[in-house]
């Protein structure tokens, strides 16, 4: 494989496109992007402040030359929110930082998509994230599991009457700052649902509750804001039937929600180990979803998953999304082997 150009050369190569791209409104830009990118080659990564974005900006031209045409930026609560001052992170991403980043991405032909992990992943280890710290009333298990011992991650209650008043303004701020035409809502690894400790959800059907959360977000993002909505697909899959187990799929009753949500939601189907077969590709496409297969740090597994997805030649399989989860430093992203192996399994055009 030839060496990628240096950053200086890459920047020079892209410079001619910069002025024109900056003058195109996002909607018109998206139409052109769709025409020129029949295969989606994306990277998912987290960013917690403007310095993180600046570091990523330095790699944008080289990432484009490596084939990247989408960047999913997981922001969560690391943003200087104005709509909910109690959730403002003073050291988080600023609006100007997000705007600058998104502008540079589009100038280089990369579609920026912000993300907040919804419902699940409201804590990590002993730390509970700001939403449930400031609004413990939204917790699916209020007052339980001190220091988060005995659980994987906290969840919010999808039926709390104040939830949308608090969460939707956060989503809207990120949409405006990134001038986003799509939004990723997370929704992976939701283990705490229909909890016996929740006065609203106790005894409820987990699939019904999960579908409610998906549909509520879809109503706001797609029906109201006219954006594309992306989510992780694991809670829609039956862990036992597929053989994926309880992480890459669900064993806690949420899988039947697959038949209760809109088909225009893009399903990011993540699997990180090499397998002889990935049955979720057919399951999700047969249900009518567009599917974006997603791998991680194992280059052999990434190539295997991407290879099977590309070989299907299915119009609803979009391409490949490389997740990073802290395994690669930003300057090394353009030459990261799992990314290159997976992208190499896809032709430039269908």
Protein backbone atom coordinates (compact mmCIF):
# COMPACT_ATOMS: atom_id res chain seq x y z
CA UNK A 1 0.00 0.00 0.00
CA UNK A 2 1.51 3.38 -0.97
CA UNK A 3 2.21 5.84 1.81
CA UNK A 4 -0.37 8.55 2.33
CA UNK A 5 0.68 12.11 1.44
CA UNK A 6 1.93 14.32 4.24
CA UNK A 7 -0.53 16.65 5.92
CA UNK A 8 0.92 19.64 4.06
CA UNK A 9 0.47 17.96 0.69
CA UNK A 10 -2.99 16.71 1.61
CA UNK A 11 -4.03 20.20 2.64
CA UNK A 12 -2.75 21.59 -0.64
CA UNK A 13 -4.65 18.97 -2.61
CA UNK A 14 -7.88 19.91 -0.89
CA UNK A 15 -7.36 23.67 -0.90
CA UNK A 16 -8.95 24.23 -4.30
CA UNK A 17 -12.26 22.82 -3.06
CA UNK A 18 -12.35 24.91 0.09
CA UNK A 19 -13.84 28.23 -1.08
CA UNK A 20 -16.61 26.62 -3.16
CA UNK A 21 -17.59 24.20 -0.40
CA UNK A 22 -17.83 26.96 2.17
CA UNK A 23 -20.41 28.85 0.10
CA UNK A 24 -22.77 25.91 -0.42
CA UNK A 25 -25.65 25.71 2.10
CA UNK A 26 -25.73 22.40 4.01
CA UNK A 27 -28.84 21.10 2.19
CA UNK A 28 -27.32 21.71 -1.23
CA UNK A 29 -24.02 20.34 0.02
CA UNK A 30 -25.73 17.13 1.13
CA UNK A 31 -27.25 16.57 -2.31
CA UNK A 32 -23.81 16.83 -3.88
CA UNK A 33 -22.29 14.64 -1.17
CA UNK A 34 -24.82 11.88 -1.82
CA UNK A 35 -24.08 11.91 -5.53
CA UNK A 36 -20.35 11.63 -4.94
CA UNK A 37 -20.38 9.08 -2.11
CA UNK A 38 -22.37 5.95 -2.96
CA UNK A 39 -20.37 4.06 -0.31
CA UNK A 40 -20.28 5.49 3.20
CA UNK A 41 -16.86 5.18 4.82
CA UNK A 42 -17.04 6.59 8.30
CA UNK A 43 -15.20 6.93 11.59
CA UNK A 44 -16.85 7.15 14.99
CA UNK A 45 -14.90 8.85 17.78
CA UNK A 46 -15.43 10.95 20.88
CA UNK A 47 -14.58 14.62 21.35
CA UNK A 48 -14.76 16.46 24.66
CA UNK A 49 -13.45 19.95 23.93
CA UNK A 50 -12.30 22.33 21.22
CA UNK A 51 -8.74 21.05 21.50
CA UNK A 52 -9.95 17.57 20.58
CA UNK A 53 -11.72 18.99 17.55
CA UNK A 54 -8.67 20.99 16.53
CA UNK A 55 -6.53 17.88 16.70
CA UNK A 56 -9.03 16.09 14.50
CA UNK A 57 -9.22 19.03 12.10
CA UNK A 58 -5.51 18.66 11.43
CA UNK A 59 -6.17 15.14 10.15
CA UNK A 60 -9.26 15.90 8.07
CA UNK A 61 -7.48 16.20 4.68
CA UNK A 62 -5.50 13.00 5.27
CA UNK A 63 -8.63 11.18 6.45
CA UNK A 64 -10.40 12.19 3.25
CA UNK A 65 -7.54 10.84 1.19
CA UNK A 66 -7.78 7.59 3.16
CA UNK A 67 -11.40 7.30 2.01
CA UNK A 68 -13.28 8.76 4.98
CA UNK A 69 -16.42 10.63 3.98
CA UNK A 70 -18.33 10.66 7.32
CA UNK A 71 -17.25 11.53 10.86
CA UNK A 72 -19.53 10.61 13.77
CA UNK A 73 -18.52 12.85 16.68
CA UNK A 74 -19.82 11.60 20.03
CA UNK A 75 -20.21 14.70 22.17
CA UNK A 76 -22.65 13.56 24.85
CA UNK A 77 -22.60 16.22 27.61
CA UNK A 78 -19.17 17.67 26.79
CA UNK A 79 -20.60 20.86 25.33
CA UNK A 80 -21.13 24.41 26.52
CA UNK A 81 -24.91 24.09 26.48
CA UNK A 82 -26.90 27.33 26.71
CA UNK A 83 -30.41 25.86 26.66
CA UNK A 84 -29.87 23.93 29.89
CA UNK A 85 -27.29 25.93 31.87
CA UNK A 86 -27.17 23.29 34.62
CA UNK A 87 -25.75 20.84 32.06
CA UNK A 88 -23.24 23.25 30.55
CA UNK A 89 -19.69 21.93 30.52
CA UNK A 90 -17.50 25.07 30.70
CA UNK A 91 -14.54 23.10 29.38
CA UNK A 92 -16.56 21.34 26.68
CA UNK A 93 -16.94 22.00 22.99
CA UNK A 94 -18.02 25.55 22.15
CA UNK A 95 -20.48 26.50 19.45
CA UNK A 96 -17.75 28.26 17.49
CA UNK A 97 -15.54 25.19 17.79
CA UNK A 98 -18.29 22.94 16.46
CA UNK A 99 -19.11 25.34 13.63
CA UNK A 100 -15.48 25.60 12.56
CA UNK A 101 -15.05 21.84 12.65
CA UNK A 102 -18.19 21.16 10.62
CA UNK A 103 -17.25 23.79 8.06
CA UNK A 104 -13.81 22.27 7.56
CA UNK A 105 -15.28 18.77 7.24
CA UNK A 106 -17.69 19.83 4.51
CA UNK A 107 -14.95 21.73 2.69
CA UNK A 108 -13.08 18.44 2.48
CA UNK A 109 -16.05 16.36 1.41
CA UNK A 110 -16.70 14.79 4.83
CA UNK A 111 -20.14 14.68 6.38
CA UNK A 112 -20.05 15.59 10.11
CA UNK A 113 -22.69 13.91 12.30
CA UNK A 114 -22.92 14.74 16.03
CA UNK A 115 -24.05 12.22 18.64
CA UNK A 116 -25.48 12.03 22.14
CA UNK A 117 -25.76 8.57 23.66
CA UNK A 118 -29.43 8.35 24.59
CA UNK A 119 -31.14 6.25 27.24
CA UNK A 120 -28.29 3.91 28.18
CA UNK A 121 -24.65 4.74 28.95
CA UNK A 122 -25.57 7.45 31.45
CA UNK A 123 -22.66 6.43 33.66
CA UNK A 124 -19.28 4.73 33.49
CA UNK A 125 -17.59 2.86 36.33
CA UNK A 126 -18.26 4.87 39.53
CA UNK A 127 -19.03 8.10 37.70
CA UNK A 128 -22.58 9.11 36.76
CA UNK A 129 -22.75 11.57 33.88
CA UNK A 130 -24.11 15.08 34.20
CA UNK A 131 -27.68 14.45 33.07
CA UNK A 132 -28.53 12.08 35.91
CA UNK A 133 -26.28 13.96 38.33
CA UNK A 134 -28.26 17.14 37.79
CA UNK A 135 -31.57 15.41 37.19
CA UNK A 136 -31.63 12.22 39.29
CA UNK A 137 -35.41 12.14 38.85
CA UNK A 138 -34.81 10.92 35.28
CA UNK A 139 -32.95 7.80 36.45
CA UNK A 140 -34.53 4.45 35.57
CA UNK A 141 -33.28 3.12 38.91
CA UNK A 142 -33.61 6.15 41.22
CA UNK A 143 -31.73 5.88 44.47
CA UNK A 144 -30.35 2.45 43.64
CA UNK A 145 -26.82 1.14 43.08
CA UNK A 146 -24.66 3.61 45.05
CA UNK A 147 -21.40 4.37 43.22
CA UNK A 148 -22.90 2.34 40.34
CA UNK A 149 -21.86 -0.92 41.94
CA UNK A 150 -23.60 -3.97 40.54
CA UNK A 151 -24.58 -2.42 37.19
CA UNK A 152 -22.92 -1.81 33.83
CA UNK A 153 -24.31 1.64 33.01
CA UNK A 154 -27.24 3.71 34.20
CA UNK A 155 -30.22 4.45 31.95
CA UNK A 156 -32.73 7.24 31.88
CA UNK A 157 -36.45 6.54 32.15
CA UNK A 158 -38.10 6.76 28.71
CA UNK A 159 -41.46 7.56 30.30
CA UNK A 160 -40.51 10.43 32.59
CA UNK A 161 -42.74 13.39 31.71
CA UNK A 162 -39.88 15.91 31.92
CA UNK A 163 -37.37 13.94 29.82
CA UNK A 164 -37.97 15.58 26.45
CA UNK A 165 -38.01 19.09 27.93
CA UNK A 166 -34.46 18.50 29.14
CA UNK A 167 -32.88 16.27 26.49
CA UNK A 168 -34.30 17.57 23.21
CA UNK A 169 -32.87 21.10 23.65
CA UNK A 170 -29.42 19.54 24.06
CA UNK A 171 -29.84 17.65 20.81
CA UNK A 172 -31.10 20.78 19.07
CA UNK A 173 -28.06 22.77 20.17
CA UNK A 174 -25.70 20.24 18.65
CA UNK A 175 -27.75 20.15 15.46
CA UNK A 176 -27.47 23.92 15.15
CA UNK A 177 -23.79 24.12 16.07
CA UNK A 178 -22.74 21.41 13.60
CA UNK A 179 -25.38 22.52 11.04
CA UNK A 180 -26.20 18.82 11.07
CA UNK A 181 -28.25 17.00 8.46
CA UNK A 182 -28.17 13.79 10.54
CA UNK A 183 -27.92 12.84 14.19
CA UNK A 184 -26.74 9.67 15.96
CA UNK A 185 -28.72 8.85 19.11
CA UNK A 186 -26.67 5.90 20.40
CA UNK A 187 -29.12 3.58 22.23
CA UNK A 188 -26.67 0.69 22.53
CA UNK A 189 -26.25 -1.71 25.45
CA UNK A 190 -29.40 -0.66 27.28
CA UNK A 191 -29.54 -3.19 30.11
CA UNK A 192 -31.55 -1.19 32.65
CA UNK A 193 -35.05 -0.99 31.21
CA UNK A 194 -38.49 -1.78 32.65
CA UNK A 195 -36.79 -1.71 36.03
CA UNK A 196 -38.58 -2.84 39.16
CA UNK A 197 -37.27 0.37 40.77
CA UNK A 198 -38.94 2.70 38.28
CA UNK A 199 -42.45 3.80 39.31
CA UNK A 200 -43.44 4.32 35.66
CA UNK A 201 -41.73 1.38 33.93
CA UNK A 202 -42.06 -1.44 36.46
CA UNK A 203 -43.81 -4.43 34.90
CA UNK A 204 -43.81 -2.90 31.40
CA UNK A 205 -42.74 -4.70 28.20
CA UNK A 206 -39.06 -3.82 27.50
CA UNK A 207 -39.68 -3.91 23.75
CA UNK A 208 -42.55 -1.47 24.07
CA UNK A 209 -40.47 0.90 26.19
CA UNK A 210 -37.46 0.73 23.88
CA UNK A 211 -39.63 1.32 20.82
CA UNK A 212 -41.22 4.30 22.56
CA UNK A 213 -37.82 5.88 23.10
CA UNK A 214 -36.78 5.28 19.50
CA UNK A 215 -40.07 6.62 18.17
CA UNK A 216 -39.96 9.70 20.38
CA UNK A 217 -36.51 10.58 19.08
CA UNK A 218 -37.56 9.83 15.51
CA UNK A 219 -40.56 12.13 15.83
CA UNK A 220 -38.29 15.00 16.80
CA UNK A 221 -35.31 14.37 14.53
CA UNK A 222 -36.93 13.05 11.37
CA UNK A 223 -40.50 14.28 11.38
CA UNK A 224 -39.87 17.68 12.94
CA UNK A 225 -36.25 18.54 12.13
CA UNK A 226 -36.14 16.63 8.77
CA UNK A 227 -32.80 15.00 9.60
CA UNK A 228 -31.58 11.45 9.13
CA UNK A 229 -31.46 9.45 12.35
CA UNK A 230 -28.81 6.86 13.17
CA UNK A 231 -28.66 4.43 16.09
CA UNK A 232 -26.72 1.36 17.22
CA UNK A 233 -28.65 -1.76 16.23
CA UNK A 234 -27.83 -4.20 19.04
CA UNK A 235 -31.06 -3.83 21.06
CA UNK A 236 -33.10 -4.80 17.98
CA UNK A 237 -31.39 -8.17 17.60
CA UNK A 238 -32.21 -11.38 19.47
CA UNK A 239 -29.03 -12.45 21.21
CA UNK A 240 -30.01 -16.11 21.47
CA UNK A 241 -31.43 -16.52 17.97
CA UNK A 242 -28.47 -14.85 16.31
CA UNK A 243 -25.78 -16.30 18.58
CA UNK A 244 -24.38 -12.83 19.23
CA UNK A 245 -25.02 -12.91 22.98
CA UNK A 246 -26.17 -10.12 25.29
CA UNK A 247 -23.76 -7.38 24.18
CA UNK A 248 -23.94 -7.31 20.39
CA UNK A 249 -27.63 -8.21 20.65
CA UNK A 250 -30.30 -8.29 23.35
CA UNK A 251 -31.36 -10.96 25.82
CA UNK A 252 -33.46 -8.64 28.00
CA UNK A 253 -36.59 -8.43 25.91
CA UNK A 254 -36.00 -5.42 23.67
CA UNK A 255 -35.50 -7.30 20.38
CA UNK A 256 -39.22 -7.34 19.35
CA UNK A 257 -39.02 -3.55 19.09
CA UNK A 258 -37.49 -4.12 15.64
CA UNK A 259 -41.06 -4.36 14.30
CA UNK A 260 -42.29 -1.24 16.12
CA UNK A 261 -39.99 1.49 14.80
CA UNK A 262 -39.70 3.39 11.47
CA UNK A 263 -37.68 1.81 8.69
CA UNK A 264 -35.93 5.04 7.69
CA UNK A 265 -33.63 4.89 10.75
CA UNK A 266 -30.06 3.95 9.80
CA UNK A 267 -28.94 0.96 11.86
CA UNK A 268 -25.26 0.92 12.83
CA UNK A 269 -24.73 -2.82 13.21
CA UNK A 270 -21.61 -3.29 15.37
CA UNK A 271 -19.69 -6.55 15.73
CA UNK A 272 -16.08 -6.58 16.84
CA UNK A 273 -15.03 -10.23 16.63
CA UNK A 274 -14.36 -12.39 13.60
CA UNK A 275 -17.23 -14.76 12.88
CA UNK A 276 -18.03 -17.20 10.08
CA UNK A 277 -21.28 -15.32 9.49
CA UNK A 278 -22.98 -12.06 10.49
CA UNK A 279 -26.72 -12.86 10.41
CA UNK A 280 -27.76 -9.37 11.50
CA UNK A 281 -26.98 -8.01 8.02
CA UNK A 282 -29.78 -10.04 6.49
CA UNK A 283 -32.11 -9.62 9.45
CA UNK A 284 -31.92 -5.83 9.36
CA UNK A 285 -32.01 -5.43 5.58
CA UNK A 286 -34.93 -7.87 5.31
CA UNK A 287 -36.81 -5.64 7.76
CA UNK A 288 -36.26 -2.72 5.41
CA UNK A 289 -33.55 -0.79 7.29
CA UNK A 290 -30.47 0.78 5.81
CA UNK A 291 -27.53 -0.82 7.58
CA UNK A 292 -24.06 0.57 8.32
CA UNK A 293 -21.80 -2.30 9.46
CA UNK A 294 -19.40 -1.22 12.20
CA UNK A 295 -16.18 -2.86 13.38
CA UNK A 296 -13.46 -1.91 15.86
CA UNK A 297 -9.79 -2.62 16.58
CA UNK A 298 -9.20 -6.11 15.15
CA UNK A 299 -8.15 -5.65 11.50
CA UNK A 300 -8.90 -9.29 10.63
CA UNK A 301 -12.40 -9.06 12.09
CA UNK A 302 -12.98 -5.67 10.47
CA UNK A 303 -11.99 -7.02 7.08
CA UNK A 304 -14.18 -10.13 7.53
CA UNK A 305 -17.27 -8.15 8.50
CA UNK A 306 -16.79 -5.51 5.82
CA UNK A 307 -16.07 -8.20 3.24
CA UNK A 308 -19.29 -10.08 3.92
CA UNK A 309 -21.28 -6.85 3.89
CA UNK A 310 -19.78 -5.70 0.58
CA UNK A 311 -20.22 -9.14 -1.00
CA UNK A 312 -23.97 -8.99 -0.38
CA UNK A 313 -24.19 -6.10 -2.85
CA UNK A 314 -27.37 -4.99 -1.11
CA UNK A 315 -28.68 -1.52 -1.86
CA UNK A 316 -29.50 -0.94 1.81
CA UNK A 317 -26.00 -1.73 3.10
CA UNK A 318 -24.29 1.64 3.13
CA UNK A 319 -20.59 0.86 3.56
CA UNK A 320 -18.44 0.66 6.70
CA UNK A 321 -18.16 2.57 9.97
CA UNK A 322 -14.89 2.23 11.89
CA UNK A 323 -15.36 2.71 15.63
CA UNK A 324 -12.32 3.74 17.67
CA UNK A 325 -13.20 3.76 21.39
CA UNK A 326 -9.86 5.27 22.35
CA UNK A 327 -7.78 2.58 20.63
CA UNK A 328 -6.02 4.92 18.23
CA UNK A 329 -4.51 8.37 18.62
CA UNK A 330 -5.98 11.00 16.35
CA UNK A 331 -2.76 11.57 14.32
CA UNK A 332 -2.67 7.84 13.56
CA UNK A 333 -6.26 7.59 12.32
CA UNK A 334 -5.55 7.99 8.57
CA UNK A 335 -3.22 4.98 8.60
CA UNK A 336 -5.01 2.86 11.21
CA UNK A 337 -5.00 -0.70 9.94
CA UNK A 338 -8.56 -1.76 10.98
CA UNK A 339 -9.92 1.24 9.10
CA UNK A 340 -7.88 0.60 5.97
CA UNK A 341 -8.61 -3.14 5.94
CA UNK A 342 -12.35 -2.57 6.20
CA UNK A 343 -12.44 0.23 3.65
CA UNK A 344 -10.40 -1.89 1.28
CA UNK A 345 -13.16 -4.49 1.21
CA UNK A 346 -15.47 -1.94 -0.41
CA UNK A 347 -15.13 -0.67 -3.97
CA UNK A 348 -15.02 3.07 -4.45
CA UNK A 349 -18.34 2.78 -6.26
CA UNK A 350 -21.03 0.13 -6.32
